[in-house]
Amino acid sequence: MTLSLRHAMRAWREVALATILVAAAALQVWLVLDRQVLPGIARFARLHDRPAWERSAVGLNGEEFAAYIGFLRRQIPEDGKVILPPRIPVQAVAHVGLMQYYLFPREIHNCGANEIVACVERATGKSTYLMAVRSFPPRELASKNRQYVPFNEDRGVYLPVQ
């Protein structure tokens, strides 16, 4: 083979490889746009008329979480005090900062992991509400002087008895 033929074959291989790489990159971009970006834009476009707290709740943890936050906002008056579960295991409903954002202007506190019984016993008053999530608070203790209002089988809120 002559030198020019070798150069031509090498150039052809480089062009073919570059074409394959460009096609692969274009396919990746198309798949990401089609399966992630465009559906995400469509999902958030449907949320544009909702309040900021609801948009962020849907974006962070989905529609059911946002519905639970809306339930709490309806059940707990704005001057209420909300007691959250301990942050173990880590969950959004136990995060004081997040819940302050979602439930503003309500006052937010949480129980420590090692003081659940004492915390629930201290949580008294006409304006103190206990968030009910899974095993928090202990049902028999919370229901002594509170009325349980369920959201679903796992979540709800304990209201003070008026």
N, C-alpha and C. Protein backbone atom coordinates (compact mmCIF):
# COMPACT_ATOMS: atom_id res chain seq x y z
N MET A 1 0.84 -1.18 0.00
CA MET A 1 0.00 0.00 0.00
C MET A 1 0.89 1.24 0.00
N THR A 2 0.42 2.18 -0.70
CA THR A 2 1.17 3.42 -0.75
C THR A 2 0.83 4.26 0.47
N LEU A 3 1.65 5.25 0.69
CA LEU A 3 1.48 6.13 1.83
C LEU A 3 0.17 6.89 1.76
N SER A 4 -0.23 7.35 0.59
CA SER A 4 -1.48 8.10 0.47
C SER A 4 -2.69 7.22 0.71
N LEU A 5 -2.62 5.95 0.32
CA LEU A 5 -3.73 5.03 0.58
C LEU A 5 -3.86 4.77 2.07
N ARG A 6 -2.71 4.61 2.76
CA ARG A 6 -2.76 4.44 4.22
C ARG A 6 -3.36 5.66 4.90
N HIS A 7 -2.99 6.83 4.47
CA HIS A 7 -3.56 8.06 5.04
C HIS A 7 -5.05 8.15 4.77
N ALA A 8 -5.46 7.75 3.59
CA ALA A 8 -6.88 7.78 3.24
C ALA A 8 -7.67 6.81 4.11
N MET A 9 -7.12 5.60 4.33
CA MET A 9 -7.83 4.62 5.17
C MET A 9 -7.89 5.09 6.63
N ARG A 10 -6.77 5.65 7.11
CA ARG A 10 -6.76 6.16 8.49
C ARG A 10 -7.75 7.31 8.63
N ALA A 11 -7.80 8.18 7.66
CA ALA A 11 -8.75 9.30 7.69
C ALA A 11 -10.17 8.79 7.64
N TRP A 12 -10.41 7.75 6.83
CA TRP A 12 -11.76 7.17 6.74
C TRP A 12 -12.17 6.57 8.08
N ARG A 13 -11.24 5.84 8.75
CA ARG A 13 -11.53 5.25 10.06
C ARG A 13 -11.82 6.35 11.08
N GLU A 14 -11.07 7.41 11.06
CA GLU A 14 -11.30 8.51 11.99
C GLU A 14 -12.65 9.17 11.75
N VAL A 15 -13.01 9.35 10.49
CA VAL A 15 -14.32 9.93 10.16
C VAL A 15 -15.43 8.98 10.60
N ALA A 16 -15.27 7.69 10.36
CA ALA A 16 -16.28 6.70 10.76
C ALA A 16 -16.43 6.69 12.29
N LEU A 17 -15.31 6.69 12.99
CA LEU A 17 -15.37 6.71 14.46
C LEU A 17 -16.02 7.99 14.97
N ALA A 18 -15.67 9.12 14.40
CA ALA A 18 -16.28 10.38 14.81
C ALA A 18 -17.78 10.38 14.53
N THR A 19 -18.17 9.81 13.40
CA THR A 19 -19.59 9.73 13.05
C THR A 19 -20.34 8.85 14.05
N ILE A 20 -19.75 7.73 14.41
CA ILE A 20 -20.37 6.83 15.40
C ILE A 20 -20.49 7.53 16.75
N LEU A 21 -19.44 8.23 17.18
CA LEU A 21 -19.49 8.94 18.47
C LEU A 21 -20.54 10.05 18.46
N VAL A 22 -20.62 10.79 17.36
CA VAL A 22 -21.64 11.85 17.26
C VAL A 22 -23.04 11.24 17.28
N ALA A 23 -23.23 10.15 16.58
CA ALA A 23 -24.54 9.48 16.57
C ALA A 23 -24.91 8.96 17.96
N ALA A 24 -23.93 8.39 18.66
CA ALA A 24 -24.20 7.89 20.02
C ALA A 24 -24.54 9.03 20.96
N ALA A 25 -23.81 10.14 20.84
CA ALA A 25 -24.10 11.30 21.69
C ALA A 25 -25.47 11.87 21.36
N ALA A 26 -25.82 11.94 20.09
CA ALA A 26 -27.13 12.45 19.70
C ALA A 26 -28.24 11.53 20.22
N LEU A 27 -28.03 10.23 20.17
CA LEU A 27 -29.01 9.28 20.70
C LEU A 27 -29.18 9.48 22.21
N GLN A 28 -28.08 9.65 22.94
CA GLN A 28 -28.17 9.89 24.37
C GLN A 28 -28.94 11.17 24.68
N VAL A 29 -28.63 12.23 23.97
CA VAL A 29 -29.33 13.50 24.18
C VAL A 29 -30.82 13.33 23.91
N TRP A 30 -31.16 12.66 22.81
CA TRP A 30 -32.56 12.45 22.47
C TRP A 30 -33.27 11.63 23.54
N LEU A 31 -32.64 10.55 24.04
CA LEU A 31 -33.26 9.72 25.08
C LEU A 31 -33.47 10.49 26.38
N VAL A 32 -32.48 11.28 26.78
CA VAL A 32 -32.63 12.07 28.01
C VAL A 32 -33.75 13.10 27.84
N LEU A 33 -33.77 13.77 26.70
CA LEU A 33 -34.84 14.75 26.46
C LEU A 33 -36.21 14.07 26.45
N ASP A 34 -36.32 12.97 25.74
CA ASP A 34 -37.60 12.29 25.57
C ASP A 34 -38.12 11.66 26.85
N ARG A 35 -37.23 11.09 27.66
CA ARG A 35 -37.67 10.32 28.83
C ARG A 35 -37.55 11.06 30.15
N GLN A 36 -36.76 12.13 30.20
CA GLN A 36 -36.57 12.84 31.46
C GLN A 36 -36.97 14.31 31.38
N VAL A 37 -36.36 15.05 30.49
CA VAL A 37 -36.52 16.51 30.47
C VAL A 37 -37.93 16.92 30.06
N LEU A 38 -38.40 16.44 28.92
CA LEU A 38 -39.72 16.87 28.44
C LEU A 38 -40.85 16.42 29.37
N PRO A 39 -40.86 15.16 29.87
CA PRO A 39 -41.90 14.81 30.85
C PRO A 39 -41.81 15.65 32.13
N GLY A 40 -40.59 15.96 32.57
CA GLY A 40 -40.43 16.80 33.75
C GLY A 40 -40.96 18.20 33.54
N ILE A 41 -40.69 18.76 32.38
CA ILE A 41 -41.21 20.10 32.06
C ILE A 41 -42.74 20.07 32.01
N ALA A 42 -43.29 19.02 31.40
CA ALA A 42 -44.75 18.91 31.32
C ALA A 42 -45.36 18.77 32.71
N ARG A 43 -44.71 17.96 33.58
CA ARG A 43 -45.22 17.78 34.94
C ARG A 43 -45.21 19.10 35.70
N PHE A 44 -44.12 19.85 35.61
CA PHE A 44 -44.04 21.10 36.34
C PHE A 44 -44.87 22.20 35.69
N ALA A 45 -45.13 22.12 34.41
CA ALA A 45 -46.01 23.09 33.76
C ALA A 45 -47.43 22.99 34.30
N ARG A 46 -47.83 21.77 34.66
CA ARG A 46 -49.16 21.59 35.24
C ARG A 46 -49.25 22.17 36.66
N LEU A 47 -48.12 22.45 37.26
CA LEU A 47 -48.09 22.96 38.64
C LEU A 47 -47.99 24.48 38.71
N HIS A 48 -47.88 25.16 37.59
CA HIS A 48 -47.56 26.60 37.63
C HIS A 48 -48.59 27.43 38.37
N ASP A 49 -49.83 26.98 38.46
CA ASP A 49 -50.85 27.79 39.14
C ASP A 49 -51.00 27.41 40.62
N ARG A 50 -50.21 26.46 41.08
CA ARG A 50 -50.27 26.07 42.49
C ARG A 50 -49.33 26.95 43.32
N PRO A 51 -49.57 27.03 44.63
CA PRO A 51 -48.67 27.83 45.48
C PRO A 51 -47.26 27.24 45.51
N ALA A 52 -46.30 28.07 45.88
CA ALA A 52 -44.89 27.66 45.89
C ALA A 52 -44.64 26.45 46.78
N TRP A 53 -45.27 26.43 47.97
CA TRP A 53 -45.03 25.30 48.87
C TRP A 53 -45.49 24.00 48.22
N GLU A 54 -46.59 24.05 47.48
CA GLU A 54 -47.12 22.84 46.86
C GLU A 54 -46.24 22.38 45.69
N ARG A 55 -45.77 23.32 44.90
CA ARG A 55 -44.87 22.97 43.79
C ARG A 55 -43.61 22.30 44.31
N SER A 56 -43.03 22.87 45.37
CA SER A 56 -41.79 22.28 45.89
C SER A 56 -42.06 20.95 46.58
N ALA A 57 -43.20 20.79 47.22
CA ALA A 57 -43.52 19.50 47.85
C ALA A 57 -43.68 18.41 46.80
N VAL A 58 -44.33 18.73 45.69
CA VAL A 58 -44.48 17.76 44.60
C VAL A 58 -43.11 17.43 44.02
N GLY A 59 -42.31 18.46 43.80
CA GLY A 59 -40.98 18.24 43.22
C GLY A 59 -40.07 17.46 44.14
N LEU A 60 -40.17 17.66 45.43
CA LEU A 60 -39.29 16.99 46.39
C LEU A 60 -39.73 15.55 46.66
N ASN A 61 -41.01 15.35 46.93
CA ASN A 61 -41.45 14.02 47.38
C ASN A 61 -42.71 13.50 46.70
N GLY A 62 -43.25 14.18 45.72
CA GLY A 62 -44.37 13.65 44.97
C GLY A 62 -45.73 14.18 45.42
N GLU A 63 -46.74 13.78 44.66
CA GLU A 63 -48.12 14.26 44.87
C GLU A 63 -48.70 13.86 46.22
N GLU A 64 -48.45 12.63 46.68
CA GLU A 64 -49.03 12.20 47.95
C GLU A 64 -48.47 13.00 49.12
N PHE A 65 -47.17 13.28 49.09
CA PHE A 65 -46.56 14.11 50.12
C PHE A 65 -47.18 15.50 50.11
N ALA A 66 -47.33 16.08 48.93
CA ALA A 66 -47.95 17.41 48.82
C ALA A 66 -49.38 17.39 49.33
N ALA A 67 -50.11 16.31 49.05
CA ALA A 67 -51.49 16.20 49.55
C ALA A 67 -51.50 16.13 51.07
N TYR A 68 -50.54 15.43 51.66
CA TYR A 68 -50.46 15.36 53.13
C TYR A 68 -50.16 16.73 53.73
N ILE A 69 -49.25 17.46 53.11
CA ILE A 69 -48.94 18.81 53.59
C ILE A 69 -50.18 19.68 53.49
N GLY A 70 -50.93 19.60 52.40
CA GLY A 70 -52.17 20.35 52.26
C GLY A 70 -53.18 19.97 53.34
N PHE A 71 -53.27 18.68 53.65
CA PHE A 71 -54.14 18.20 54.72
C PHE A 71 -53.74 18.84 56.05
N LEU A 72 -52.44 18.85 56.36
CA LEU A 72 -51.97 19.46 57.62
C LEU A 72 -52.28 20.96 57.64
N ARG A 73 -52.09 21.63 56.53
CA ARG A 73 -52.38 23.07 56.48
C ARG A 73 -53.86 23.35 56.72
N ARG A 74 -54.72 22.45 56.29
CA ARG A 74 -56.17 22.64 56.53
C ARG A 74 -56.55 22.30 57.98
N GLN A 75 -55.91 21.32 58.56
CA GLN A 75 -56.27 20.87 59.90
C GLN A 75 -55.68 21.73 61.02
N ILE A 76 -54.52 22.31 60.77
CA ILE A 76 -53.80 23.05 61.81
C ILE A 76 -53.90 24.55 61.52
N PRO A 77 -54.49 25.31 62.43
CA PRO A 77 -54.59 26.76 62.20
C PRO A 77 -53.21 27.41 62.14
N GLU A 78 -53.16 28.57 61.53
CA GLU A 78 -51.89 29.26 61.33
C GLU A 78 -51.21 29.65 62.64
N ASP A 79 -51.96 29.80 63.71
CA ASP A 79 -51.34 30.13 65.00
C ASP A 79 -51.05 28.87 65.81
N GLY A 80 -51.15 27.70 65.20
CA GLY A 80 -50.92 26.43 65.88
C GLY A 80 -49.44 26.10 66.04
N LYS A 81 -49.19 25.18 66.95
CA LYS A 81 -47.86 24.68 67.22
C LYS A 81 -47.86 23.21 66.80
N VAL A 82 -46.91 22.80 65.98
CA VAL A 82 -46.86 21.46 65.42
C VAL A 82 -45.67 20.72 65.99
N ILE A 83 -45.91 19.51 66.48
CA ILE A 83 -44.85 18.65 66.99
C ILE A 83 -44.58 17.56 65.95
N LEU A 84 -43.34 17.51 65.49
CA LEU A 84 -42.92 16.55 64.46
C LEU A 84 -42.30 15.32 65.11
N PRO A 85 -42.23 14.22 64.38
CA PRO A 85 -41.52 13.04 64.89
C PRO A 85 -40.02 13.29 64.93
N PRO A 86 -39.28 12.45 65.64
CA PRO A 86 -37.82 12.57 65.64
C PRO A 86 -37.26 12.38 64.23
N ARG A 87 -36.04 12.84 64.01
CA ARG A 87 -35.44 12.74 62.68
C ARG A 87 -34.79 11.40 62.43
N ILE A 88 -35.16 10.37 63.16
CA ILE A 88 -34.59 9.04 62.93
C ILE A 88 -35.75 8.10 62.68
N PRO A 89 -35.87 7.44 61.54
CA PRO A 89 -35.01 7.62 60.37
C PRO A 89 -35.28 8.96 59.70
N VAL A 90 -34.31 9.39 58.92
CA VAL A 90 -34.44 10.69 58.25
C VAL A 90 -35.61 10.63 57.26
N GLN A 91 -36.52 11.56 57.42
CA GLN A 91 -37.67 11.66 56.53
C GLN A 91 -38.07 13.13 56.45
N ALA A 92 -38.66 13.51 55.35
CA ALA A 92 -38.99 14.91 55.12
C ALA A 92 -39.93 15.46 56.18
N VAL A 93 -40.91 14.67 56.63
CA VAL A 93 -41.87 15.18 57.61
C VAL A 93 -41.26 15.38 58.99
N ALA A 94 -40.06 14.91 59.21
CA ALA A 94 -39.39 15.11 60.49
C ALA A 94 -38.34 16.22 60.43
N HIS A 95 -38.18 16.84 59.29
CA HIS A 95 -37.18 17.89 59.11
C HIS A 95 -37.80 19.24 59.46
N VAL A 96 -37.32 19.83 60.54
CA VAL A 96 -37.89 21.08 61.05
C VAL A 96 -37.84 22.19 60.00
N GLY A 97 -36.72 22.34 59.32
CA GLY A 97 -36.59 23.40 58.32
C GLY A 97 -37.58 23.26 57.17
N LEU A 98 -37.70 22.06 56.63
CA LEU A 98 -38.66 21.84 55.55
C LEU A 98 -40.08 22.09 56.01
N MET A 99 -40.42 21.55 57.17
CA MET A 99 -41.79 21.70 57.64
C MET A 99 -42.09 23.15 58.03
N GLN A 100 -41.09 23.92 58.46
CA GLN A 100 -41.33 25.34 58.69
C GLN A 100 -41.70 26.02 57.39
N TYR A 101 -41.05 25.63 56.30
CA TYR A 101 -41.39 26.20 55.00
C TYR A 101 -42.80 25.79 54.58
N TYR A 102 -43.11 24.50 54.66
CA TYR A 102 -44.40 24.01 54.18
C TYR A 102 -45.57 24.47 55.04
N LEU A 103 -45.36 24.61 56.34
CA LEU A 103 -46.47 24.93 57.24
C LEU A 103 -46.43 26.35 57.77
N PHE A 104 -45.60 27.20 57.25
CA PHE A 104 -45.50 28.58 57.69
C PHE A 104 -46.89 29.23 57.68
N PRO A 105 -47.25 29.98 58.69
CA PRO A 105 -46.52 30.55 59.80
C PRO A 105 -46.62 29.74 61.11
N ARG A 106 -47.03 28.50 61.03
CA ARG A 106 -47.17 27.68 62.24
C ARG A 106 -45.82 27.48 62.92
N GLU A 107 -45.85 27.33 64.24
CA GLU A 107 -44.64 27.09 65.02
C GLU A 107 -44.31 25.60 64.94
N ILE A 108 -43.06 25.26 64.65
CA ILE A 108 -42.65 23.87 64.42
C ILE A 108 -41.61 23.44 65.45
N HIS A 109 -41.83 22.25 66.04
CA HIS A 109 -40.87 21.63 66.97
C HIS A 109 -40.83 20.14 66.65
N ASN A 110 -39.75 19.48 67.09
CA ASN A 110 -39.77 18.03 66.97
C ASN A 110 -39.30 17.38 68.25
N CYS A 111 -39.69 16.15 68.42
CA CYS A 111 -39.29 15.37 69.58
C CYS A 111 -37.92 14.75 69.32
N GLY A 112 -37.14 14.61 70.38
CA GLY A 112 -35.88 13.90 70.26
C GLY A 112 -36.12 12.40 70.24
N ALA A 113 -35.20 11.67 69.65
CA ALA A 113 -35.36 10.22 69.51
C ALA A 113 -35.44 9.50 70.86
N ASN A 114 -34.79 10.05 71.88
CA ASN A 114 -34.75 9.40 73.19
C ASN A 114 -35.75 9.98 74.18
N GLU A 115 -36.65 10.84 73.73
CA GLU A 115 -37.59 11.47 74.65
C GLU A 115 -39.01 11.50 74.10
N ILE A 116 -39.38 10.53 73.32
CA ILE A 116 -40.68 10.57 72.65
C ILE A 116 -41.83 10.62 73.65
N VAL A 117 -41.81 9.76 74.65
CA VAL A 117 -42.92 9.73 75.62
C VAL A 117 -43.00 11.06 76.36
N ALA A 118 -41.87 11.54 76.86
CA ALA A 118 -41.86 12.82 77.59
C ALA A 118 -42.28 13.97 76.68
N CYS A 119 -41.84 13.95 75.45
CA CYS A 119 -42.20 15.00 74.49
C CYS A 119 -43.70 15.02 74.24
N VAL A 120 -44.30 13.86 74.02
CA VAL A 120 -45.74 13.79 73.77
C VAL A 120 -46.51 14.21 75.02
N GLU A 121 -46.04 13.83 76.18
CA GLU A 121 -46.71 14.23 77.43
C GLU A 121 -46.63 15.74 77.63
N ARG A 122 -45.51 16.37 77.21
CA ARG A 122 -45.36 17.83 77.35
C ARG A 122 -46.17 18.60 76.31
N ALA A 123 -46.50 17.97 75.23
CA ALA A 123 -47.18 18.64 74.11
C ALA A 123 -48.66 18.82 74.44
N THR A 124 -48.92 19.78 75.31
CA THR A 124 -50.30 20.04 75.72
C THR A 124 -50.69 21.44 75.26
N GLY A 125 -51.91 21.74 75.39
CA GLY A 125 -52.38 23.07 75.04
C GLY A 125 -53.40 23.02 73.93
N LYS A 126 -54.21 24.08 73.89
CA LYS A 126 -55.31 24.15 72.92
C LYS A 126 -54.82 24.35 71.49
N SER A 127 -53.57 24.75 71.33
CA SER A 127 -53.10 25.02 69.98
C SER A 127 -51.92 24.13 69.58
N THR A 128 -51.73 23.00 70.27
CA THR A 128 -50.61 22.09 69.97
C THR A 128 -51.14 20.86 69.25
N TYR A 129 -50.54 20.56 68.12
CA TYR A 129 -50.96 19.47 67.25
C TYR A 129 -49.80 18.49 67.08
N LEU A 130 -50.10 17.22 67.09
CA LEU A 130 -49.08 16.19 66.91
C LEU A 130 -49.21 15.58 65.52
N MET A 131 -48.16 15.66 64.75
CA MET A 131 -48.16 15.01 63.45
C MET A 131 -48.10 13.51 63.69
N ALA A 132 -48.93 12.75 63.03
CA ALA A 132 -48.95 11.30 63.18
C ALA A 132 -48.36 10.66 61.93
N VAL A 133 -47.22 10.02 62.10
CA VAL A 133 -46.52 9.37 60.99
C VAL A 133 -46.01 8.02 61.47
N ARG A 134 -46.47 6.97 60.82
CA ARG A 134 -46.10 5.59 61.16
C ARG A 134 -46.29 5.34 62.65
N SER A 135 -45.20 5.13 63.40
CA SER A 135 -45.33 4.79 64.82
C SER A 135 -45.21 6.00 65.74
N PHE A 136 -45.15 7.19 65.19
CA PHE A 136 -45.10 8.40 66.01
C PHE A 136 -46.43 9.12 65.90
N PRO A 137 -46.94 9.62 66.99
CA PRO A 137 -46.58 9.36 68.37
C PRO A 137 -47.16 8.03 68.81
N PRO A 138 -46.75 7.53 69.97
CA PRO A 138 -47.39 6.31 70.47
C PRO A 138 -48.90 6.54 70.56
N ARG A 139 -49.67 5.74 69.86
CA ARG A 139 -51.11 5.99 69.69
C ARG A 139 -51.86 6.03 71.02
N GLU A 140 -51.56 5.11 71.92
CA GLU A 140 -52.29 5.08 73.19
C GLU A 140 -52.00 6.33 74.03
N LEU A 141 -50.79 6.85 73.93
CA LEU A 141 -50.43 8.05 74.69
C LEU A 141 -51.05 9.30 74.05
N ALA A 142 -50.97 9.41 72.76
CA ALA A 142 -51.48 10.61 72.07
C ALA A 142 -53.00 10.70 72.13
N SER A 143 -53.68 9.58 72.15
CA SER A 143 -55.14 9.61 72.11
C SER A 143 -55.77 9.86 73.49
N LYS A 144 -54.97 10.00 74.52
CA LYS A 144 -55.52 10.29 75.85
C LYS A 144 -56.25 11.62 75.88
N ASN A 145 -55.67 12.64 75.27
CA ASN A 145 -56.30 13.95 75.30
C ASN A 145 -56.32 14.61 73.93
N ARG A 146 -56.32 13.80 72.88
CA ARG A 146 -56.33 14.33 71.52
C ARG A 146 -57.25 13.50 70.65
N GLN A 147 -57.73 14.12 69.60
CA GLN A 147 -58.58 13.45 68.63
C GLN A 147 -57.75 13.18 67.37
N TYR A 148 -57.75 11.94 66.92
CA TYR A 148 -56.99 11.57 65.72
C TYR A 148 -57.82 11.81 64.47
N VAL A 149 -57.21 12.49 63.49
CA VAL A 149 -57.84 12.69 62.19
C VAL A 149 -56.90 12.06 61.16
N PRO A 150 -57.33 10.98 60.50
CA PRO A 150 -56.44 10.30 59.56
C PRO A 150 -56.36 11.01 58.21
N PHE A 151 -55.20 10.92 57.60
CA PHE A 151 -55.02 11.33 56.21
C PHE A 151 -55.09 10.08 55.32
N ASN A 152 -54.33 9.07 55.70
CA ASN A 152 -54.39 7.76 55.07
C ASN A 152 -54.04 6.72 56.13
N GLU A 153 -53.73 5.50 55.75
CA GLU A 153 -53.47 4.46 56.75
C GLU A 153 -52.18 4.69 57.52
N ASP A 154 -51.24 5.48 57.00
CA ASP A 154 -49.95 5.71 57.66
C ASP A 154 -49.80 7.09 58.29
N ARG A 155 -50.61 8.04 57.89
CA ARG A 155 -50.39 9.42 58.32
C ARG A 155 -51.69 10.07 58.76
N GLY A 156 -51.53 11.07 59.61
CA GLY A 156 -52.67 11.84 60.08
C GLY A 156 -52.17 12.94 60.99
N VAL A 157 -53.06 13.40 61.89
CA VAL A 157 -52.71 14.44 62.84
C VAL A 157 -53.58 14.27 64.08
N TYR A 158 -52.99 14.54 65.24
CA TYR A 158 -53.75 14.54 66.49
C TYR A 158 -54.10 15.98 66.82
N LEU A 159 -55.38 16.24 66.94
CA LEU A 159 -55.89 17.57 67.26
C LEU A 159 -56.16 17.68 68.74
N PRO A 160 -55.95 18.86 69.32
CA PRO A 160 -56.33 19.03 70.72
C PRO A 160 -57.85 18.97 70.86
N VAL A 161 -58.30 18.35 71.95
CA VAL A 161 -59.75 18.29 72.20
C VAL A 161 -60.17 19.66 72.72
N GLN A 162 -61.14 20.25 72.06
CA GLN A 162 -61.59 21.60 72.45
C GLN A 162 -62.67 21.51 73.53
